[in-house]
Amino acid sequence: MRDGQLSQTARGAAAYRAIHQDLEGGVIFKDPFASRILDQDTAAALDELAANDSLRPWRLFIAARSRFSEDTMAGCIARGGRQVVVLGAGLDTFSLRNPYADLGVRTFEVDYPPTQIWKRERIRAAGLAEPPSLVFAPVDFERESLAEGLIRAGFKLNEPAFFQWLGVVPYLTKDAVYSTLRFISEVPQAAVVFDYAEPFQNYPAERRVSVTATAERAASRGEPWLSFFDPIELLQLLRGMGFNVIEDLGLPEIAQRFYGALNRDIVLGPGPHIVRAHQ
């Protein structure tokens, strides 16, 4: 993300969640606020995005990763967790839909300060209220750590927590990914869901060209892909940090579990993954 600009990736993910509600009826992931908090430019582009069938696999993946995350979150809350941390929240709407607020579940949204200011403006423009269970934790990572930002916002390091970390890992250095996972691993009974990308060399030649072109487009808008993980490498990393329950879904497993009748003309094989890791 270029300095002074809002993330186009965050806008795009929000747009795909909104389109999924209209085109597929939210069959994978229900999000009644997805369209309401979009900015005007993003909302104006929805019809064009929806008409581009080449974007359909990415739209379904984004819906599936949110569903997988919130399903995992529900299990953590059933086991007594009362802290949810949304890292790189963008326009994610869980905090506005939180069905566990009456149980005392608090949502800590972590993002860059300008992004959070923009999101709060979008919430107000949609005529929505910030629920009491929502805590904004703006963090300038050039000046402070994730732990410092969360503690300042009231996060309790000695209590269980669920961390949602979607659409972020590919844009971070591996050192930043390692340090974040290490912090999460030190929270008692912590669980995390995140997505990641496989290295280009894992793709067959006929797909490698299109994936590389996608990465180049991301870099041209100031959001280059910086980190790639081979599934075996990542599994070893997570186990080394003390995560005992690890589930890594590649595209075939994602399609089988979530797509149902929508699983048509979806190219399966190497690609994005979603992972849940528990202590």
Protein backbone atom coordinates (compact mmCIF):
# COMPACT_ATOMS: atom_id res chain seq x y z
CA MET A 1 0.00 0.00 0.00
CA ARG A 2 1.52 3.31 -1.04
CA ASP A 3 1.81 5.97 1.65
CA GLY A 4 -1.31 8.10 1.87
CA GLN A 5 -3.41 5.68 -0.19
CA LEU A 6 -6.02 3.23 0.97
CA SER A 7 -5.56 -0.44 0.13
CA GLN A 8 -7.08 -1.47 -3.18
CA THR A 9 -6.85 -5.06 -1.97
CA ALA A 10 -9.11 -4.25 0.98
CA ARG A 11 -11.58 -2.53 -1.34
CA GLY A 12 -11.52 -5.46 -3.75
CA ALA A 13 -12.13 -8.07 -1.06
CA ALA A 14 -15.08 -6.08 0.27
CA ALA A 15 -16.47 -5.77 -3.26
CA TYR A 16 -16.25 -9.53 -3.83
CA ARG A 17 -18.04 -10.24 -0.55
CA ALA A 18 -20.79 -7.86 -1.61
CA ILE A 19 -21.12 -9.40 -5.08
CA HIS A 20 -21.30 -12.87 -3.56
CA GLN A 21 -24.42 -11.81 -1.67
CA ASP A 22 -26.15 -10.78 -4.90
CA LEU A 23 -24.91 -13.31 -7.47
CA GLU A 24 -24.73 -16.41 -5.28
CA GLY A 25 -27.16 -15.37 -2.56
CA GLY A 26 -24.41 -15.53 0.06
CA VAL A 27 -24.63 -19.32 -0.06
CA ILE A 28 -21.03 -19.69 1.12
CA PHE A 29 -20.84 -16.69 3.43
CA LYS A 30 -23.63 -14.40 4.64
CA ASP A 31 -22.68 -10.74 5.04
CA PRO A 32 -25.66 -8.37 5.15
CA PHE A 33 -23.43 -5.31 5.63
CA ALA A 34 -20.99 -6.05 2.81
CA SER A 35 -22.61 -3.65 0.34
CA ARG A 36 -23.65 -1.00 2.81
CA ILE A 37 -20.22 0.16 3.89
CA LEU A 38 -18.57 0.25 0.46
CA ASP A 39 -17.24 3.60 -0.67
CA GLN A 40 -18.87 5.22 -3.70
CA ASP A 41 -16.16 4.32 -6.23
CA THR A 42 -16.09 0.67 -5.19
CA ALA A 43 -19.88 0.42 -5.23
CA ALA A 44 -19.94 1.91 -8.71
CA ALA A 45 -17.60 -0.82 -9.96
CA LEU A 46 -19.67 -3.76 -8.66
CA ASP A 47 -21.59 -4.43 -11.87
CA GLU A 48 -18.42 -4.50 -13.95
CA LEU A 49 -16.69 -6.84 -11.48
CA ALA A 50 -19.72 -9.10 -11.30
CA ALA A 51 -19.87 -9.38 -15.10
CA ASN A 52 -16.25 -10.54 -15.34
CA ASP A 53 -16.51 -14.31 -15.01
CA SER A 54 -12.74 -14.68 -14.81
CA LEU A 55 -12.95 -13.15 -11.32
CA ARG A 56 -15.45 -15.75 -10.12
CA PRO A 57 -12.87 -18.19 -8.64
CA TRP A 58 -11.30 -15.39 -6.60
CA ARG A 59 -14.72 -14.21 -5.41
CA LEU A 60 -15.64 -17.69 -4.20
CA PHE A 61 -12.28 -18.09 -2.47
CA ILE A 62 -12.75 -14.82 -0.57
CA ALA A 63 -16.21 -15.91 0.54
CA ALA A 64 -14.85 -19.31 1.59
CA ARG A 65 -11.95 -17.91 3.62
CA SER A 66 -14.34 -15.67 5.58
CA ARG A 67 -16.68 -18.61 6.19
CA PHE A 68 -13.79 -20.85 7.30
CA SER A 69 -12.54 -18.15 9.65
CA GLU A 70 -15.87 -17.45 11.28
CA ASP A 71 -16.64 -21.18 11.63
CA THR A 72 -13.30 -21.59 13.42
CA MET A 73 -14.03 -18.52 15.52
CA ALA A 74 -17.35 -20.02 16.63
CA GLY A 75 -15.54 -23.09 17.93
CA CYS A 76 -13.07 -20.97 19.88
CA ILE A 77 -15.87 -18.96 21.47
CA ALA A 78 -17.71 -22.19 22.37
CA ARG A 79 -14.56 -23.22 24.25
CA GLY A 80 -14.61 -19.99 26.25
CA GLY A 81 -12.68 -17.47 24.18
CA ARG A 82 -13.92 -13.92 24.54
CA GLN A 83 -11.39 -11.95 22.48
CA VAL A 84 -11.48 -11.74 18.67
CA VAL A 85 -8.67 -9.91 16.88
CA VAL A 86 -9.13 -8.99 13.22
CA LEU A 87 -5.71 -8.20 11.77
CA GLY A 88 -5.73 -5.96 8.71
CA ALA A 89 -9.48 -5.59 9.12
CA GLY A 90 -10.14 -3.35 6.13
CA LEU A 91 -13.90 -3.36 5.53
CA ASP A 92 -14.53 -6.67 7.29
CA THR A 93 -17.95 -6.54 8.96
CA PHE A 94 -17.80 -9.22 11.66
CA SER A 95 -17.59 -6.55 14.36
CA LEU A 96 -20.89 -5.09 13.11
CA ARG A 97 -22.57 -8.52 13.03
CA ASN A 98 -21.03 -9.99 16.20
CA PRO A 99 -23.64 -12.54 17.40
CA TYR A 100 -21.57 -13.25 20.52
CA ALA A 101 -21.59 -9.74 21.98
CA ASP A 102 -24.05 -10.77 24.70
CA LEU A 103 -21.52 -13.38 25.81
CA GLY A 104 -18.95 -10.64 26.34
CA VAL A 105 -16.98 -11.27 23.14
CA ARG A 106 -15.01 -8.17 22.15
CA THR A 107 -13.64 -7.54 18.67
CA PHE A 108 -10.30 -5.76 18.34
CA GLU A 109 -9.78 -4.43 14.82
CA VAL A 110 -6.13 -3.83 13.98
CA ASP A 111 -5.19 -1.71 10.98
CA TYR A 112 -3.22 1.32 9.89
CA PRO A 113 -4.65 4.55 11.39
CA PRO A 114 -5.70 6.12 8.03
CA THR A 115 -7.52 2.91 7.05
CA GLN A 116 -9.43 2.85 10.32
CA ILE A 117 -10.41 6.50 10.00
CA TRP A 118 -11.77 5.71 6.52
CA LYS A 119 -13.67 2.67 7.77
CA ARG A 120 -15.28 4.58 10.60
CA GLU A 121 -16.40 7.17 8.08
CA ARG A 122 -17.92 4.40 5.97
CA ILE A 123 -19.77 2.99 9.00
CA ARG A 124 -21.26 6.40 9.76
CA ALA A 125 -22.15 7.02 6.12
CA ALA A 126 -24.04 3.71 6.08
CA GLY A 127 -26.12 4.88 9.03
CA LEU A 128 -24.65 2.19 11.27
CA ALA A 129 -23.45 2.51 14.84
CA GLU A 130 -20.15 1.26 16.20
CA PRO A 131 -21.20 -1.46 18.66
CA PRO A 132 -19.87 -1.31 22.22
CA SER A 133 -18.16 -4.67 21.68
CA LEU A 134 -15.95 -3.19 18.93
CA VAL A 135 -12.54 -1.79 19.82
CA PHE A 136 -10.41 -0.08 17.19
CA ALA A 137 -6.71 -0.70 17.66
CA PRO A 138 -4.86 1.52 15.20
CA VAL A 139 -1.23 0.40 14.89
CA ASP A 140 1.54 2.16 13.03
CA PHE A 141 3.89 -0.79 12.62
CA GLU A 142 6.84 1.49 11.90
CA ARG A 143 6.60 2.87 15.43
CA GLU A 144 5.12 0.12 17.61
CA SER A 145 4.54 -3.60 17.80
CA LEU A 146 1.28 -5.49 17.47
CA ALA A 147 1.45 -6.35 21.16
CA GLU A 148 1.84 -2.69 22.13
CA GLY A 149 -1.12 -1.63 20.00
CA LEU A 150 -3.38 -4.35 21.34
CA ILE A 151 -2.45 -3.80 24.98
CA ARG A 152 -3.14 -0.09 24.60
CA ALA A 153 -6.61 -0.99 23.27
CA GLY A 154 -7.37 -3.21 26.27
CA PHE A 155 -6.45 -6.64 24.89
CA LYS A 156 -5.54 -9.11 27.64
CA LEU A 157 -2.41 -11.07 26.83
CA ASN A 158 -3.16 -13.73 29.46
CA GLU A 159 -6.62 -14.66 28.13
CA PRO A 160 -7.61 -16.85 25.13
CA ALA A 161 -8.10 -15.18 21.77
CA PHE A 162 -9.00 -15.90 18.18
CA PHE A 163 -7.06 -14.11 15.44
CA GLN A 164 -8.47 -13.57 11.95
CA TRP A 165 -5.73 -12.64 9.48
CA LEU A 166 -7.15 -12.64 5.95
CA GLY A 167 -5.74 -11.12 2.79
CA VAL A 168 -2.58 -9.91 4.52
CA VAL A 169 0.19 -12.53 4.67
CA PRO A 170 1.23 -12.40 0.97
CA TYR A 171 1.90 -8.66 1.31
CA LEU A 172 4.23 -9.02 4.32
CA THR A 173 7.86 -10.04 4.54
CA LYS A 174 8.49 -13.48 5.97
CA ASP A 175 10.09 -11.86 9.04
CA ALA A 176 6.85 -9.96 9.67
CA VAL A 177 4.81 -13.14 9.23
CA TYR A 178 7.08 -15.03 11.64
CA SER A 179 6.92 -12.33 14.31
CA THR A 180 3.12 -12.12 14.13
CA LEU A 181 2.67 -15.89 14.39
CA ARG A 182 5.16 -15.98 17.26
CA PHE A 183 3.15 -13.33 19.14
CA ILE A 184 -0.09 -15.26 18.56
CA SER A 185 1.54 -18.48 19.76
CA GLU A 186 2.35 -16.82 23.09
CA VAL A 187 -1.31 -16.03 23.83
CA PRO A 188 -2.89 -18.87 25.87
CA GLN A 189 -5.29 -21.11 23.94
CA ALA A 190 -4.83 -18.94 20.87
CA ALA A 191 -6.13 -19.85 17.43
CA VAL A 192 -5.52 -18.15 14.10
CA VAL A 193 -6.94 -18.40 10.59
CA PHE A 194 -4.98 -16.92 7.72
CA ASP A 195 -4.44 -17.38 3.99
CA TYR A 196 -1.21 -17.62 2.04
CA ALA A 197 0.11 -18.15 -1.49
CA GLU A 198 2.26 -20.96 -2.82
CA PRO A 199 5.52 -20.18 -4.67
CA PHE A 200 5.19 -19.59 -8.40
CA GLN A 201 7.28 -22.69 -9.15
CA ASN A 202 4.54 -24.87 -7.63
CA TYR A 203 2.17 -23.89 -10.44
CA PRO A 204 2.04 -25.78 -13.73
CA ALA A 205 3.51 -23.77 -16.62
CA GLU A 206 0.15 -22.98 -18.19
CA ARG A 207 -1.07 -21.30 -15.00
CA ARG A 208 2.19 -19.72 -13.93
CA VAL A 209 1.92 -16.96 -16.53
CA SER A 210 -1.49 -15.75 -15.36
CA VAL A 211 -0.54 -15.93 -11.67
CA THR A 212 2.63 -13.96 -12.33
CA ALA A 213 0.61 -11.34 -14.22
CA THR A 214 -1.76 -11.02 -11.24
CA ALA A 215 1.21 -10.47 -8.94
CA GLU A 216 2.62 -7.84 -11.29
CA ARG A 217 -0.68 -5.95 -11.27
CA ALA A 218 -0.67 -5.96 -7.47
CA ALA A 219 2.88 -4.61 -7.45
CA SER A 220 1.97 -1.86 -9.91
CA ARG A 221 -0.61 -0.49 -7.48
CA GLY A 222 1.90 -0.52 -4.64
CA GLU A 223 0.90 -3.83 -3.06
CA PRO A 224 3.55 -6.38 -4.10
CA TRP A 225 3.41 -10.02 -3.04
CA LEU A 226 6.37 -10.50 -0.71
CA SER A 227 5.87 -13.88 0.97
CA PHE A 228 5.19 -17.33 -0.42
CA PHE A 229 5.07 -20.61 1.48
CA ASP A 230 5.27 -24.22 0.46
CA PRO A 231 2.64 -26.14 2.49
CA ILE A 232 5.24 -28.48 4.04
CA GLU A 233 7.44 -25.53 5.01
CA LEU A 234 4.51 -23.76 6.67
CA LEU A 235 3.39 -26.87 8.53
CA GLN A 236 6.86 -27.26 10.04
CA LEU A 237 6.95 -23.58 10.98
CA LEU A 238 3.60 -23.73 12.80
CA ARG A 239 4.49 -26.92 14.64
CA GLY A 240 7.78 -25.37 15.71
CA MET A 241 5.85 -22.48 17.27
CA GLY A 242 3.71 -24.80 19.36
CA PHE A 243 0.53 -24.99 17.29
CA ASN A 244 -0.79 -28.52 17.79
CA VAL A 245 -3.93 -28.55 15.63
CA ILE A 246 -3.29 -27.44 12.07
CA GLU A 247 -5.63 -27.66 9.08
CA ASP A 248 -4.41 -26.40 5.71
CA LEU A 249 -6.96 -26.28 2.89
CA GLY A 250 -5.79 -25.93 -0.71
CA LEU A 251 -8.14 -25.17 -3.58
CA PRO A 252 -9.40 -28.77 -4.01
CA GLU A 253 -10.33 -29.02 -0.32
CA ILE A 254 -11.87 -25.53 -0.28
CA ALA A 255 -14.02 -26.33 -3.31
CA GLN A 256 -15.14 -29.66 -1.90
CA ARG A 257 -16.08 -28.22 1.48
CA PHE A 258 -17.69 -24.90 0.51
CA TYR A 259 -18.58 -24.53 -3.16
CA GLY A 260 -21.22 -27.19 -3.70
CA ALA A 261 -23.06 -26.57 -6.98
CA LEU A 262 -20.89 -23.48 -7.57
CA ASN A 263 -17.91 -25.74 -8.22
CA ARG A 264 -18.02 -25.45 -12.00
CA ASP A 265 -15.19 -24.34 -14.25
CA ILE A 266 -12.94 -23.88 -11.20
CA VAL A 267 -9.31 -24.76 -11.93
CA LEU A 268 -8.00 -26.73 -8.98
CA GLY A 269 -4.40 -27.33 -8.00
CA PRO A 270 -1.70 -25.07 -6.52
CA GLY A 271 -2.91 -21.66 -5.46
CA PRO A 272 -4.12 -19.83 -2.37
CA HIS A 273 -4.56 -21.73 0.88
CA ILE A 274 -6.45 -21.07 4.09
CA VAL A 275 -5.11 -22.37 7.39
CA ARG A 276 -6.38 -22.73 10.92
CA ALA A 277 -3.88 -23.30 13.69
CA HIS A 278 -4.66 -23.89 17.37
CA GLN A 279 -2.49 -24.41 20.38
